[in-house]
Structures are given as structure tokens and as C-alpha cells.
Amino acid sequence: MTSAELLKSFSGIISIVNPIGAIPIFIGLTSNWTKKQRNQTANTAALSATLILLLSAFSGHYILKFFGISLSSFQVAGGILLLLIAISMLHAKLSHAKHTPQEAQEAEDMESIGVVPLAMPILAGPGSISTVILYAHYARGLDEKAILALIILTVGAIVWITLRMAVPIGTRLGATGINIAVRILGLILAAISVEFMAAGLKGLFPGLG
């Protein structure tokens, strides 16, 4: 991978995972918890999200093959999903593809929310899984797959740090600061989703190239 491709992969994954956007949800779900409980939940959420993304990256190809789905079709479908999520982010909202109101209500009654709903589907939801599967396909050889794994681990570390510091970050940035950051990530994600769709359409309809 070139430096540009590495940066693009990292930007795409961090944008769709969107740890900044998860801060208000994390704070809301853990508002009455101690710092120790919050840290334990942050640890669980970051580790679970990282494992989900790693598993998706290295098994996604076999899943597509099992269901007989072509990469081009998956690129178009994944691109549409990412674009819908990006549009929600541009409006500073959490897409229902990541988290529905019903799931939010259920989460309030859960003793442990690190895995569900924080890790899945808020951080490592359908959009995130689709993104890493597509990037894994572009990775050529074990060395580039190892680089992709390192990128996912880096994103997981950023998620861990962000959630562990969710309260001070939320206080510093405020609602306006968080919304601005989410909108910037949404814009990056929108551009990446269009590229996914364009590549998929070229594969499905070679004449478009």
C-alpha cells in the first residue's frame, strides 16, 4: 500500500466507526456509573469492536463466497449503506443503521452495555463491517493484510482512549464541537462511499469504465 492508500484506509475506517459520535451515547448510558464502571465498559466496548472488525476483515471474503455475492454487488450495496450513514452524520445524527430508538431504550435496562449496543452496532455496525471487508479485498498479500490489521488495531486504540476520556472530551467539546467533528467525518465517509459505489458499478457494467 502507498502512503495515500494507507491514509485513505485509516480515514475510511475511523470515519465509519466514529468514536466521537459515540461519546454522547456512552455518557448517557453510563451517567449514573462510577469512573471504574465506565472504564470497564470502555475496555469491553473497544476490545469487542476491534475483534468484530478483525474477524470481519479476515472472514468477509468467505462469507461473500458462501452466499454467492460478487464483490461488485457488495461494493454498490456497501457504498449505499455508507452514504446513508454519512448523510445522517452530516446532520449530526446517529443513523438507524447503527442504532435504533428501540435498541437505545433496551440499553438503558442492560447491566453490561460494552458489547451491545456500544461495540455492536454503534461502533462496529453494518457500515463498519462492510468497510473493512472491502478494504480487506483490496489488500494484496499477507503484508498488506497485516497492515490492515494494524490499522484496525490503531482505530481500536483510538476508540478505547476516546471512551475512557468520554466525559472530559464531552465537556471540552460540548454538543457543538462534537457535532462539527461528526460532520467532518461524515463528509469524508460520503466521498469514500461514492468511490465504493463507482468501483462496484464499473465491475457490474464494464462499459461504464
Protein backbone atom coordinates (compact mmCIF):
# COMPACT_ATOMS: atom_id res chain seq x y z
CA MET A 1 0.00 0.00 0.00
CA THR A 2 1.15 3.53 -0.75
CA SER A 3 1.02 6.22 1.91
CA ALA A 4 -2.09 7.65 0.25
CA GLU A 5 -3.82 4.26 0.33
CA LEU A 6 -2.90 3.78 4.00
CA LEU A 7 -4.29 7.20 4.88
CA LYS A 8 -7.43 6.51 2.87
CA SER A 9 -8.00 3.17 4.61
CA PHE A 10 -7.45 4.68 8.04
CA SER A 11 -9.70 7.66 7.26
CA GLY A 12 -12.46 5.39 5.98
CA ILE A 13 -12.44 3.07 8.99
CA ILE A 14 -12.13 5.79 11.64
CA SER A 15 -14.90 7.81 9.95
CA ILE A 16 -17.41 4.96 9.88
CA VAL A 17 -16.53 3.75 13.40
CA ASN A 18 -16.97 7.38 14.52
CA PRO A 19 -15.78 7.21 18.17
CA ILE A 20 -16.50 10.92 18.69
CA GLY A 21 -20.13 10.38 17.76
CA ALA A 22 -20.38 7.58 20.34
CA ILE A 23 -19.38 9.90 23.21
CA PRO A 24 -22.89 11.33 23.93
CA ILE A 25 -24.40 7.83 23.86
CA PHE A 26 -21.68 6.43 26.12
CA ILE A 27 -22.11 9.28 28.61
CA GLY A 28 -25.90 8.95 28.54
CA LEU A 29 -25.88 5.19 29.12
CA THR A 30 -23.32 5.41 31.94
CA SER A 31 -24.46 8.65 33.56
CA ASN A 32 -25.04 7.11 37.00
CA TRP A 33 -21.96 4.88 36.94
CA THR A 34 -18.67 5.23 38.78
CA LYS A 35 -15.47 6.02 36.92
CA LYS A 36 -14.33 2.43 37.40
CA GLN A 37 -17.53 1.07 35.85
CA ARG A 38 -17.22 3.48 32.92
CA ASN A 39 -13.61 2.42 32.31
CA GLN A 40 -14.55 -1.26 32.40
CA THR A 41 -17.31 -0.65 29.86
CA ALA A 42 -14.92 1.36 27.65
CA ASN A 43 -12.44 -1.53 27.76
CA THR A 44 -15.11 -4.04 26.80
CA ALA A 45 -16.55 -1.88 24.01
CA ALA A 46 -13.17 -1.10 22.42
CA LEU A 47 -11.95 -4.70 22.60
CA SER A 48 -15.23 -6.12 21.27
CA ALA A 49 -15.42 -3.63 18.39
CA THR A 50 -11.81 -4.35 17.42
CA LEU A 51 -12.35 -8.12 17.44
CA ILE A 52 -15.54 -7.78 15.37
CA LEU A 53 -13.74 -5.70 12.74
CA LEU A 54 -10.73 -8.03 12.62
CA LEU A 55 -12.97 -11.07 12.26
CA SER A 56 -14.94 -9.34 9.51
CA ALA A 57 -11.80 -8.32 7.64
CA PHE A 58 -10.39 -11.84 7.53
CA SER A 59 -13.60 -13.83 7.08
CA GLY A 60 -15.66 -11.45 4.94
CA HIS A 61 -14.39 -12.90 1.67
CA TYR A 62 -15.54 -16.38 2.64
CA ILE A 63 -18.95 -15.08 3.73
CA LEU A 64 -19.48 -13.39 0.36
CA LYS A 65 -18.33 -16.53 -1.42
CA PHE A 66 -20.66 -18.71 0.65
CA PHE A 67 -23.69 -16.60 -0.30
CA GLY A 68 -22.55 -16.20 -3.90
CA ILE A 69 -22.31 -12.40 -3.68
CA SER A 70 -19.94 -10.73 -6.11
CA LEU A 71 -17.56 -8.08 -4.83
CA SER A 72 -19.01 -5.52 -7.26
CA SER A 73 -22.52 -6.04 -5.89
CA PHE A 74 -21.21 -5.77 -2.35
CA GLN A 75 -19.35 -2.56 -3.23
CA VAL A 76 -22.53 -0.93 -4.51
CA ALA A 77 -24.62 -2.12 -1.56
CA GLY A 78 -21.91 -1.17 0.95
CA GLY A 79 -21.47 2.21 -0.70
CA ILE A 80 -25.18 2.96 -0.44
CA LEU A 81 -25.21 1.95 3.23
CA LEU A 82 -22.16 4.11 3.97
CA LEU A 83 -23.72 7.05 2.12
CA LEU A 84 -26.90 6.79 4.20
CA ILE A 85 -24.82 6.75 7.39
CA ALA A 86 -22.71 9.67 6.09
CA ILE A 87 -25.85 11.72 5.39
CA SER A 88 -27.02 11.13 8.96
CA MET A 89 -23.59 12.18 10.23
CA LEU A 90 -23.73 15.36 8.13
CA HIS A 91 -26.94 16.16 10.00
CA ALA A 92 -25.13 15.31 13.28
CA LYS A 93 -27.43 12.35 13.88
CA LEU A 94 -26.81 8.67 14.56
CA SER A 95 -28.13 6.59 11.67
CA HIS A 96 -30.76 3.95 12.45
CA ALA A 97 -28.47 1.58 10.55
CA LYS A 98 -26.21 1.84 13.57
CA HIS A 99 -28.63 2.19 16.45
CA THR A 100 -32.44 2.26 16.55
CA PRO A 101 -34.55 4.03 19.21
CA GLN A 102 -35.78 0.62 20.41
CA GLU A 103 -32.20 -0.53 20.98
CA ALA A 104 -31.46 2.68 22.86
CA GLN A 105 -34.43 2.03 25.16
CA GLU A 106 -33.35 -1.57 25.79
CA ALA A 107 -29.78 -0.47 26.50
CA GLU A 108 -30.97 1.58 29.47
CA ASP A 109 -32.04 -1.65 31.17
CA MET A 110 -28.82 -3.59 30.49
CA GLU A 111 -26.24 -4.18 33.17
CA SER A 112 -23.47 -4.54 30.61
CA ILE A 113 -23.59 -2.38 27.50
CA GLY A 114 -19.97 -2.76 26.37
CA VAL A 115 -20.74 -5.39 23.73
CA VAL A 116 -24.34 -4.48 22.88
CA PRO A 117 -25.11 -1.78 21.91
CA LEU A 118 -21.77 0.06 22.14
CA ALA A 119 -19.48 -2.33 20.28
CA MET A 120 -22.24 -3.73 18.09
CA PRO A 121 -23.95 -1.97 16.37
CA ILE A 122 -22.83 1.57 17.34
CA LEU A 123 -19.06 1.22 16.75
CA ALA A 124 -18.78 -1.95 14.68
CA GLY A 125 -22.10 -1.94 12.88
CA PRO A 126 -23.08 -2.97 9.33
CA GLY A 127 -21.30 0.04 7.81
CA SER A 128 -18.04 -0.62 9.64
CA ILE A 129 -18.13 -4.31 8.79
CA SER A 130 -18.80 -3.57 5.11
CA THR A 131 -15.92 -1.11 5.02
CA VAL A 132 -13.29 -3.47 6.44
CA ILE A 133 -14.46 -6.31 4.18
CA LEU A 134 -13.96 -4.10 1.13
CA TYR A 135 -10.55 -2.88 2.29
CA ALA A 136 -9.52 -6.46 3.05
CA HIS A 137 -10.29 -7.39 -0.55
CA TYR A 138 -8.02 -4.60 -1.80
CA ALA A 139 -5.18 -5.77 0.45
CA ARG A 140 -2.71 -7.79 -1.62
CA GLY A 141 -0.65 -10.43 0.17
CA LEU A 142 -0.06 -11.13 3.84
CA ASP A 143 1.98 -7.97 4.36
CA GLU A 144 -0.87 -5.67 3.30
CA LYS A 145 -3.40 -7.70 5.27
CA ALA A 146 -1.14 -7.29 8.30
CA ILE A 147 -1.08 -3.54 7.67
CA LEU A 148 -4.90 -3.52 7.53
CA ALA A 149 -4.99 -5.41 10.83
CA LEU A 150 -2.64 -2.81 12.30
CA ILE A 151 -4.94 -0.02 11.07
CA ILE A 152 -7.91 -1.72 12.74
CA LEU A 153 -5.92 -2.12 15.97
CA THR A 154 -4.98 1.57 15.82
CA VAL A 155 -8.63 2.53 15.37
CA GLY A 156 -9.49 0.25 18.31
CA ALA A 157 -6.89 2.05 20.44
CA ILE A 158 -8.38 5.41 19.47
CA VAL A 159 -11.85 4.13 20.40
CA TRP A 160 -10.51 2.95 23.76
CA ILE A 161 -8.85 6.29 24.54
CA THR A 162 -11.92 8.23 23.39
CA LEU A 163 -14.35 6.25 25.55
CA ARG A 164 -12.04 6.28 28.57
CA MET A 165 -11.91 10.08 28.27
CA ALA A 166 -15.51 10.49 27.12
CA VAL A 167 -16.58 12.73 30.00
CA PRO A 168 -13.72 15.28 29.77
CA ILE A 169 -13.86 15.23 25.95
CA GLY A 170 -17.62 15.76 26.00
CA THR A 171 -17.24 18.62 28.49
CA ARG A 172 -14.47 20.30 26.47
CA LEU A 173 -16.05 19.97 23.05
CA GLY A 174 -19.65 20.39 24.06
CA ALA A 175 -22.53 19.45 21.78
CA THR A 176 -21.43 21.92 19.11
CA GLY A 177 -17.84 20.68 18.98
CA ILE A 178 -18.91 17.04 18.79
CA ASN A 179 -21.40 17.83 16.00
CA ILE A 180 -18.72 19.64 13.98
CA ALA A 181 -16.33 16.69 14.31
CA VAL A 182 -19.07 14.22 13.32
CA ARG A 183 -19.99 16.32 10.27
CA ILE A 184 -16.36 16.41 9.09
CA LEU A 185 -16.11 12.62 9.43
CA GLY A 186 -19.43 12.31 7.63
CA LEU A 187 -18.14 14.33 4.69
CA ILE A 188 -15.06 12.08 4.41
CA LEU A 189 -17.25 8.99 4.63
CA ALA A 190 -19.61 10.30 1.92
CA ALA A 191 -16.72 10.72 -0.51
CA ILE A 192 -15.44 7.20 0.25
CA SER A 193 -18.92 5.71 -0.19
CA VAL A 194 -19.21 7.27 -3.65
CA GLU A 195 -15.87 5.69 -4.62
CA PHE A 196 -17.09 2.29 -3.44
CA MET A 197 -20.27 2.62 -5.49
CA ALA A 198 -18.39 3.83 -8.57
CA ALA A 199 -15.97 0.89 -8.38
CA GLY A 200 -18.86 -1.54 -7.95
CA LEU A 201 -20.82 -0.12 -10.87
CA LYS A 202 -17.75 -0.35 -13.13
CA GLY A 203 -17.42 -4.00 -12.16
CA LEU A 204 -21.09 -4.72 -12.82
CA PHE A 205 -21.20 -2.66 -16.03
CA PRO A 206 -17.72 -2.65 -17.62
CA GLY A 207 -18.93 -0.31 -20.34
CA LEU A 208 -19.16 2.50 -17.79
CA GLY A 209 -15.37 2.48 -17.46
